[in-house]
N, C-alpha and C. Protein backbone atom coordinates (compact mmCIF):
# COMPACT_ATOMS: atom_id res chain seq x y z
N UNK A 1 87.38 98.61 85.12
CA UNK A 1 87.31 99.86 85.87
C UNK A 1 88.55 99.96 86.76
N UNK A 2 89.08 101.13 86.90
CA UNK A 2 90.25 101.40 87.72
C UNK A 2 89.97 101.13 89.20
N UNK A 3 90.93 100.56 89.91
CA UNK A 3 90.78 100.23 91.34
C UNK A 3 90.46 101.47 92.17
N UNK A 4 91.05 102.63 91.84
CA UNK A 4 90.77 103.85 92.60
C UNK A 4 89.32 104.28 92.44
N UNK A 5 88.79 104.11 91.23
CA UNK A 5 87.39 104.46 90.97
C UNK A 5 86.48 103.48 91.71
N UNK A 6 86.78 102.18 91.65
CA UNK A 6 85.99 101.17 92.37
C UNK A 6 85.98 101.47 93.86
N UNK A 7 87.15 101.77 94.41
CA UNK A 7 87.26 102.07 95.83
C UNK A 7 86.39 103.26 96.20
N UNK A 8 86.49 104.33 95.42
CA UNK A 8 85.72 105.54 95.69
C UNK A 8 84.22 105.33 95.60
N UNK A 9 83.79 104.57 94.60
CA UNK A 9 82.36 104.28 94.46
C UNK A 9 81.83 103.50 95.65
N UNK A 10 82.64 102.55 96.13
CA UNK A 10 82.23 101.74 97.28
C UNK A 10 82.17 102.59 98.54
N UNK A 11 83.14 103.47 98.73
CA UNK A 11 83.12 104.38 99.89
C UNK A 11 81.87 105.24 99.85
N UNK A 12 81.58 105.81 98.68
CA UNK A 12 80.40 106.67 98.55
C UNK A 12 79.12 105.89 98.85
N UNK A 13 79.02 104.69 98.31
CA UNK A 13 77.85 103.84 98.54
C UNK A 13 77.63 103.60 100.04
N UNK A 14 78.68 103.22 100.74
CA UNK A 14 78.57 102.92 102.17
C UNK A 14 78.32 104.18 102.99
N UNK A 15 78.95 105.29 102.60
CA UNK A 15 78.73 106.54 103.31
C UNK A 15 77.28 106.99 103.20
N UNK A 16 76.74 106.90 102.00
CA UNK A 16 75.34 107.30 101.80
C UNK A 16 74.39 106.36 102.54
N UNK A 17 74.70 105.06 102.54
CA UNK A 17 73.87 104.10 103.27
C UNK A 17 73.89 104.40 104.77
N UNK A 18 75.00 104.92 105.24
CA UNK A 18 75.13 105.29 106.65
C UNK A 18 74.42 106.62 106.93
N UNK A 19 74.14 107.36 105.88
CA UNK A 19 73.42 108.63 106.03
C UNK A 19 74.29 109.76 106.57
N UNK A 20 75.54 109.76 106.17
CA UNK A 20 76.44 110.81 106.64
C UNK A 20 77.11 111.51 105.45
N UNK A 21 77.74 112.62 105.75
CA UNK A 21 78.39 113.43 104.71
C UNK A 21 79.86 113.05 104.57
N UNK A 22 80.47 113.54 103.50
CA UNK A 22 81.92 113.38 103.35
C UNK A 22 82.64 114.01 104.53
N UNK A 23 82.15 115.16 104.94
CA UNK A 23 82.75 115.85 106.07
C UNK A 23 82.67 115.02 107.35
N UNK A 24 81.54 114.37 107.55
CA UNK A 24 81.37 113.53 108.74
C UNK A 24 82.31 112.35 108.76
N UNK A 25 82.43 111.67 107.63
CA UNK A 25 83.35 110.52 107.54
C UNK A 25 84.79 111.00 107.68
N UNK A 26 85.12 112.11 107.02
CA UNK A 26 86.47 112.65 107.11
C UNK A 26 86.82 112.99 108.56
N UNK A 27 85.88 113.58 109.27
CA UNK A 27 86.10 113.92 110.68
C UNK A 27 86.34 112.66 111.50
N UNK A 28 85.47 111.66 111.33
CA UNK A 28 85.60 110.41 112.07
C UNK A 28 86.90 109.67 111.74
N UNK A 29 87.36 109.81 110.51
CA UNK A 29 88.58 109.14 110.06
C UNK A 29 89.83 109.98 110.32
N UNK A 30 89.63 111.22 110.78
CA UNK A 30 90.74 112.14 111.03
C UNK A 30 91.55 112.41 109.76
N UNK A 31 90.81 112.67 108.67
CA UNK A 31 91.44 113.07 107.41
C UNK A 31 90.71 114.31 106.90
N UNK A 32 91.32 115.00 105.97
CA UNK A 32 90.74 116.23 105.42
C UNK A 32 89.55 115.92 104.52
N UNK A 33 88.54 116.79 104.53
CA UNK A 33 87.35 116.58 103.71
C UNK A 33 87.69 116.60 102.22
N UNK A 34 88.64 117.43 101.82
CA UNK A 34 89.01 117.47 100.41
C UNK A 34 89.70 116.18 99.98
N UNK A 35 90.44 115.58 100.91
CA UNK A 35 91.05 114.27 100.65
C UNK A 35 89.95 113.23 100.45
N UNK A 36 88.93 113.29 101.32
CA UNK A 36 87.80 112.36 101.23
C UNK A 36 87.10 112.51 99.88
N UNK A 37 86.93 113.73 99.43
CA UNK A 37 86.30 113.98 98.13
C UNK A 37 87.12 113.36 97.01
N UNK A 38 88.44 113.51 97.05
CA UNK A 38 89.27 112.96 95.99
C UNK A 38 89.30 111.43 96.03
N UNK A 39 89.15 110.84 97.22
CA UNK A 39 89.03 109.38 97.34
C UNK A 39 87.75 108.92 96.65
N UNK A 40 86.64 109.54 97.01
CA UNK A 40 85.34 109.14 96.44
C UNK A 40 85.29 109.33 94.93
N UNK A 41 86.03 110.27 94.42
CA UNK A 41 86.03 110.53 92.98
C UNK A 41 87.12 109.79 92.22
N UNK A 42 87.81 108.87 92.91
CA UNK A 42 88.79 108.01 92.27
C UNK A 42 90.05 108.72 91.82
N UNK A 43 90.37 109.84 92.46
CA UNK A 43 91.55 110.60 92.07
C UNK A 43 92.72 110.41 93.04
N UNK A 44 92.53 109.61 94.07
CA UNK A 44 93.55 109.48 95.11
C UNK A 44 94.08 108.06 95.16
N UNK A 45 95.40 107.92 95.13
CA UNK A 45 96.04 106.62 95.33
C UNK A 45 96.22 106.48 96.84
N UNK A 46 95.24 105.92 97.48
CA UNK A 46 95.10 105.94 98.93
C UNK A 46 96.03 104.92 99.60
N UNK A 47 96.58 105.32 100.74
CA UNK A 47 97.46 104.43 101.50
C UNK A 47 96.63 103.42 102.29
N UNK A 48 97.26 102.33 102.66
CA UNK A 48 96.59 101.29 103.45
C UNK A 48 96.16 101.84 104.81
N UNK A 49 96.93 102.74 105.36
CA UNK A 49 96.59 103.35 106.66
C UNK A 49 95.31 104.18 106.54
N UNK A 50 95.18 104.93 105.45
CA UNK A 50 93.97 105.73 105.27
C UNK A 50 92.77 104.85 104.91
N UNK A 51 93.01 103.73 104.24
CA UNK A 51 91.92 102.77 104.01
C UNK A 51 91.40 102.30 105.36
N UNK A 52 92.30 101.95 106.25
CA UNK A 52 91.91 101.50 107.58
C UNK A 52 91.08 102.56 108.31
N UNK A 53 91.52 103.81 108.27
CA UNK A 53 90.80 104.90 108.93
C UNK A 53 89.39 105.07 108.37
N UNK A 54 89.28 105.03 107.04
CA UNK A 54 87.98 105.23 106.40
C UNK A 54 87.04 104.07 106.72
N UNK A 55 87.54 102.84 106.66
CA UNK A 55 86.69 101.69 106.95
C UNK A 55 86.23 101.70 108.40
N UNK A 56 87.07 102.13 109.31
CA UNK A 56 86.65 102.26 110.72
C UNK A 56 85.56 103.32 110.84
N UNK A 57 85.74 104.44 110.15
CA UNK A 57 84.75 105.52 110.20
C UNK A 57 83.41 105.06 109.60
N UNK A 58 83.48 104.19 108.61
CA UNK A 58 82.26 103.64 107.99
C UNK A 58 81.69 102.48 108.80
N UNK A 59 82.47 101.99 109.78
CA UNK A 59 82.08 100.85 110.61
C UNK A 59 81.83 99.61 109.76
N UNK A 60 82.82 99.30 108.91
CA UNK A 60 82.72 98.15 108.00
C UNK A 60 84.05 97.41 108.01
N UNK A 61 83.99 96.08 107.92
CA UNK A 61 85.21 95.28 107.90
C UNK A 61 85.84 95.31 106.50
N UNK A 62 87.10 94.95 106.45
CA UNK A 62 87.80 94.91 105.16
C UNK A 62 87.12 93.92 104.22
N UNK A 63 86.78 92.74 104.74
CA UNK A 63 86.16 91.73 103.87
C UNK A 63 84.79 92.18 103.38
N UNK A 64 84.02 92.82 104.25
CA UNK A 64 82.71 93.34 103.83
C UNK A 64 82.86 94.43 102.77
N UNK A 65 83.87 95.29 102.96
CA UNK A 65 84.09 96.38 102.03
C UNK A 65 84.41 95.86 100.64
N UNK A 66 85.34 94.92 100.56
CA UNK A 66 85.80 94.44 99.26
C UNK A 66 84.90 93.36 98.66
N UNK A 67 83.92 92.88 99.41
CA UNK A 67 82.95 91.91 98.90
C UNK A 67 81.80 92.69 98.26
N UNK A 68 82.09 93.28 97.13
CA UNK A 68 81.16 94.16 96.43
C UNK A 68 81.25 93.91 94.93
N UNK A 69 80.17 94.17 94.24
CA UNK A 69 80.17 93.99 92.79
C UNK A 69 81.21 94.88 92.11
N UNK A 70 81.54 96.03 92.73
CA UNK A 70 82.55 96.90 92.15
C UNK A 70 83.88 96.16 91.98
N UNK A 71 84.24 95.35 92.96
CA UNK A 71 85.51 94.65 92.94
C UNK A 71 85.41 93.30 92.23
N UNK A 72 84.24 92.70 92.20
CA UNK A 72 84.05 91.43 91.51
C UNK A 72 84.27 91.59 90.01
N UNK A 73 83.94 92.75 89.49
CA UNK A 73 84.10 93.04 88.07
C UNK A 73 85.58 93.11 87.67
N UNK A 74 86.47 93.28 88.63
CA UNK A 74 87.89 93.43 88.34
C UNK A 74 88.57 92.09 88.09
N UNK A 75 87.94 90.99 88.47
CA UNK A 75 88.56 89.67 88.32
C UNK A 75 88.79 89.30 86.88
């Protein structure tokens, strides 16, 4: 599976677990909602700075984020 797709699926999973919308996470991360949508759908080659913003908005550490079955399958 493509890394962008894995990243987007993980973001969506954590966002839904948090019980918030794409718009809510985008607002908290100070990014556009349409950008957030393209991230979740695996269409965005996201920068490390925007990864940091999204993970802060999700209130999740980098290690917790990447410690997921989505990324384990990539090995």
